[in-house]
N, C-alpha and C. Protein backbone atom coordinates (compact mmCIF):
# COMPACT_ATOMS: atom_id res chain seq x y z
N GLY A 1 8.39 10.43 11.21
CA GLY A 1 8.96 9.15 11.40
C GLY A 1 9.89 8.72 10.29
N GLY A 2 9.94 7.41 10.12
CA GLY A 2 10.89 6.82 9.18
C GLY A 2 10.38 6.76 7.76
N ASN A 3 9.39 5.92 7.50
CA ASN A 3 8.87 5.73 6.14
C ASN A 3 7.35 5.67 6.16
N PHE A 4 6.77 5.90 5.01
CA PHE A 4 5.31 5.90 4.89
C PHE A 4 4.76 4.49 5.00
N SER A 5 5.14 3.61 4.07
CA SER A 5 4.57 2.27 4.08
C SER A 5 5.27 1.37 3.07
N ALA A 6 5.42 0.12 3.45
CA ALA A 6 5.87 -0.89 2.50
C ALA A 6 4.68 -1.56 1.86
N GLY A 7 3.49 -1.25 2.33
CA GLY A 7 2.28 -1.78 1.72
C GLY A 7 1.75 -3.01 2.42
N GLN A 8 2.29 -4.15 2.11
CA GLN A 8 1.77 -5.39 2.65
C GLN A 8 2.71 -5.96 3.70
N ASP A 9 2.18 -6.87 4.49
CA ASP A 9 2.99 -7.63 5.43
C ASP A 9 3.79 -8.62 4.58
N LEU A 10 5.03 -8.32 4.33
CA LEU A 10 5.83 -9.11 3.41
C LEU A 10 6.01 -10.55 3.88
N LYS A 11 6.14 -10.73 5.18
CA LYS A 11 6.28 -12.09 5.71
C LYS A 11 5.02 -12.91 5.40
N LYS A 12 3.88 -12.31 5.63
CA LYS A 12 2.60 -13.00 5.43
C LYS A 12 2.40 -13.39 3.96
N PHE A 13 2.64 -12.45 3.06
CA PHE A 13 2.30 -12.69 1.66
C PHE A 13 3.41 -13.37 0.86
N PHE A 14 4.64 -13.29 1.30
CA PHE A 14 5.71 -13.85 0.49
C PHE A 14 6.41 -15.04 1.11
N ARG A 15 6.47 -15.13 2.40
CA ARG A 15 7.17 -16.25 3.03
C ARG A 15 6.22 -17.37 3.41
N GLU A 16 5.15 -17.05 4.12
CA GLU A 16 4.24 -18.09 4.58
C GLU A 16 3.49 -18.77 3.44
N LEU A 17 3.31 -18.06 2.34
CA LEU A 17 2.53 -18.61 1.23
C LEU A 17 3.36 -18.87 -0.02
N GLU A 18 4.70 -18.86 0.10
CA GLU A 18 5.53 -18.99 -1.10
C GLU A 18 5.39 -20.36 -1.78
N ASP A 19 4.99 -21.37 -1.05
CA ASP A 19 4.79 -22.70 -1.64
C ASP A 19 3.35 -22.92 -2.08
N LYS A 20 2.52 -21.88 -1.94
CA LYS A 20 1.10 -21.98 -2.30
C LYS A 20 0.73 -20.80 -3.19
N PRO A 21 1.14 -20.80 -4.45
CA PRO A 21 0.94 -19.62 -5.30
C PRO A 21 -0.52 -19.22 -5.49
N ALA A 22 -1.42 -20.17 -5.60
CA ALA A 22 -2.83 -19.82 -5.78
C ALA A 22 -3.38 -19.15 -4.54
N GLU A 23 -3.02 -19.67 -3.38
CA GLU A 23 -3.48 -19.08 -2.12
C GLU A 23 -2.87 -17.69 -1.91
N SER A 24 -1.60 -17.55 -2.29
CA SER A 24 -0.92 -16.26 -2.18
C SER A 24 -1.60 -15.21 -3.06
N LYS A 25 -1.90 -15.59 -4.30
CA LYS A 25 -2.55 -14.66 -5.23
C LYS A 25 -3.93 -14.26 -4.72
N LYS A 26 -4.68 -15.22 -4.20
CA LYS A 26 -6.01 -14.94 -3.67
C LYS A 26 -5.94 -13.98 -2.48
N ALA A 27 -4.98 -14.19 -1.58
CA ALA A 27 -4.82 -13.32 -0.41
C ALA A 27 -4.42 -11.91 -0.83
N GLN A 28 -3.51 -11.80 -1.80
CA GLN A 28 -3.08 -10.48 -2.27
C GLN A 28 -4.22 -9.73 -2.95
N GLU A 29 -4.98 -10.42 -3.75
CA GLU A 29 -6.11 -9.77 -4.43
C GLU A 29 -7.15 -9.28 -3.44
N ALA A 30 -7.44 -10.08 -2.42
CA ALA A 30 -8.42 -9.68 -1.40
C ALA A 30 -7.93 -8.47 -0.62
N ALA A 31 -6.66 -8.47 -0.25
CA ALA A 31 -6.10 -7.35 0.50
C ALA A 31 -6.12 -6.07 -0.34
N ASN A 32 -5.70 -6.17 -1.59
CA ASN A 32 -5.69 -5.00 -2.46
C ASN A 32 -7.08 -4.48 -2.75
N ARG A 33 -8.00 -5.39 -3.00
CA ARG A 33 -9.38 -4.98 -3.29
C ARG A 33 -9.95 -4.21 -2.11
N TRP A 34 -9.77 -4.74 -0.91
CA TRP A 34 -10.30 -4.07 0.29
C TRP A 34 -9.65 -2.70 0.47
N ARG A 35 -8.34 -2.67 0.38
CA ARG A 35 -7.61 -1.43 0.65
C ARG A 35 -7.92 -0.36 -0.39
N PHE A 36 -7.76 -0.71 -1.66
CA PHE A 36 -7.88 0.31 -2.69
C PHE A 36 -9.32 0.71 -2.97
N GLU A 37 -10.25 -0.23 -2.96
CA GLU A 37 -11.65 0.13 -3.16
C GLU A 37 -12.16 0.98 -2.01
N ARG A 38 -11.71 0.69 -0.82
CA ARG A 38 -12.14 1.48 0.34
C ARG A 38 -11.62 2.91 0.23
N LEU A 39 -10.36 3.07 -0.15
CA LEU A 39 -9.82 4.42 -0.34
C LEU A 39 -10.52 5.14 -1.49
N TRP A 40 -10.67 4.44 -2.60
CA TRP A 40 -11.25 5.04 -3.81
C TRP A 40 -12.69 5.50 -3.58
N ASN A 41 -13.47 4.72 -2.82
CA ASN A 41 -14.89 5.00 -2.63
C ASN A 41 -15.22 5.70 -1.32
N PHE A 42 -14.22 6.10 -0.56
CA PHE A 42 -14.48 6.77 0.72
C PHE A 42 -15.25 8.05 0.47
N ASP A 43 -16.22 8.36 1.33
CA ASP A 43 -17.11 9.49 1.08
C ASP A 43 -16.53 10.86 1.45
N LYS A 44 -15.33 10.88 2.00
CA LYS A 44 -14.64 12.14 2.31
C LYS A 44 -13.27 12.09 1.64
N PRO A 45 -12.66 13.25 1.41
CA PRO A 45 -11.32 13.23 0.80
C PRO A 45 -10.32 12.49 1.68
N THR A 46 -9.44 11.73 1.05
CA THR A 46 -8.40 11.01 1.78
C THR A 46 -7.06 11.71 1.52
N ILE A 47 -6.21 11.74 2.55
CA ILE A 47 -4.94 12.44 2.48
C ILE A 47 -3.82 11.49 2.89
N ALA A 48 -2.80 11.38 2.06
CA ALA A 48 -1.60 10.62 2.42
C ALA A 48 -0.51 11.64 2.76
N MET A 49 -0.06 11.63 4.00
CA MET A 49 1.05 12.48 4.42
C MET A 49 2.30 11.60 4.42
N ILE A 50 3.17 11.81 3.44
CA ILE A 50 4.27 10.89 3.17
C ILE A 50 5.59 11.50 3.63
N ASN A 51 6.20 10.83 4.60
CA ASN A 51 7.50 11.24 5.12
C ASN A 51 8.43 10.04 4.96
N GLY A 52 9.31 10.08 3.99
CA GLY A 52 10.19 8.94 3.75
C GLY A 52 9.74 8.19 2.51
N ALA A 53 9.96 6.88 2.53
CA ALA A 53 9.69 6.06 1.35
C ALA A 53 8.28 5.50 1.35
N ALA A 54 7.64 5.55 0.20
CA ALA A 54 6.39 4.84 -0.06
C ALA A 54 6.76 3.76 -1.07
N VAL A 55 6.80 2.51 -0.60
CA VAL A 55 7.36 1.41 -1.39
C VAL A 55 6.27 0.46 -1.86
N GLY A 56 6.34 0.01 -3.12
CA GLY A 56 5.44 -1.01 -3.63
C GLY A 56 3.97 -0.67 -3.45
N SER A 57 3.27 -1.51 -2.72
CA SER A 57 1.85 -1.29 -2.48
C SER A 57 1.60 -0.04 -1.65
N GLY A 58 2.59 0.36 -0.85
CA GLY A 58 2.47 1.62 -0.10
C GLY A 58 2.40 2.81 -1.05
N MET A 59 3.16 2.75 -2.14
CA MET A 59 3.09 3.78 -3.15
C MET A 59 1.71 3.76 -3.81
N ASP A 60 1.24 2.57 -4.15
CA ASP A 60 -0.10 2.45 -4.74
C ASP A 60 -1.16 3.00 -3.80
N MET A 61 -1.02 2.71 -2.52
CA MET A 61 -1.99 3.19 -1.55
C MET A 61 -2.03 4.72 -1.55
N SER A 62 -0.87 5.36 -1.58
CA SER A 62 -0.85 6.83 -1.59
C SER A 62 -1.45 7.39 -2.87
N ILE A 63 -1.25 6.69 -3.99
CA ILE A 63 -1.80 7.14 -5.28
C ILE A 63 -3.32 7.11 -5.26
N HIS A 64 -3.91 6.17 -4.52
CA HIS A 64 -5.37 6.07 -4.44
C HIS A 64 -5.99 7.12 -3.52
N CYS A 65 -5.16 7.86 -2.79
CA CYS A 65 -5.69 8.95 -1.96
C CYS A 65 -5.97 10.17 -2.84
N ASP A 66 -6.88 11.02 -2.39
CA ASP A 66 -7.22 12.21 -3.16
C ASP A 66 -6.11 13.25 -3.13
N ILE A 67 -5.43 13.36 -2.00
CA ILE A 67 -4.37 14.36 -1.80
C ILE A 67 -3.14 13.66 -1.25
N ARG A 68 -1.98 14.00 -1.81
CA ARG A 68 -0.71 13.47 -1.31
C ARG A 68 0.18 14.63 -0.92
N ILE A 69 0.69 14.58 0.31
CA ILE A 69 1.58 15.62 0.80
C ILE A 69 2.90 14.96 1.15
N GLY A 70 3.98 15.45 0.57
CA GLY A 70 5.29 14.89 0.84
C GLY A 70 6.24 15.94 1.35
N CYS A 71 7.44 15.51 1.69
CA CYS A 71 8.48 16.42 2.14
C CYS A 71 9.73 16.15 1.31
N GLU A 72 10.81 16.81 1.66
CA GLU A 72 12.04 16.64 0.88
C GLU A 72 12.61 15.22 0.97
N LYS A 73 12.19 14.44 1.97
CA LYS A 73 12.65 13.05 2.12
C LYS A 73 11.75 12.04 1.42
N THR A 74 10.64 12.49 0.86
CA THR A 74 9.68 11.58 0.24
C THR A 74 10.26 10.94 -1.01
N ARG A 75 10.11 9.60 -1.08
CA ARG A 75 10.55 8.84 -2.25
C ARG A 75 9.46 7.82 -2.57
N PHE A 76 9.17 7.69 -3.85
CA PHE A 76 8.23 6.66 -4.31
C PHE A 76 9.05 5.58 -5.00
N ILE A 77 8.91 4.35 -4.50
CA ILE A 77 9.67 3.22 -5.03
C ILE A 77 8.68 2.14 -5.43
N GLY A 78 8.50 1.94 -6.73
CA GLY A 78 7.51 1.01 -7.24
C GLY A 78 7.92 -0.36 -7.40
């Protein structure tokens, strides 16, 4: 396909909550905690197959996997 992941729903976390910084931070922390702790503590090896760009939190998500497989189009953008 096109890209691996942009990570978060950018509309949800940056547009809908832009006037509520405390609520935005709380939502981001909860989403990251769930995503990364689940990957980190999964009882089987996790594999990120990356075709295209892994951007922002998508890059972080792939880093938390045990194995990362990319191709010549793979790009990590932090």
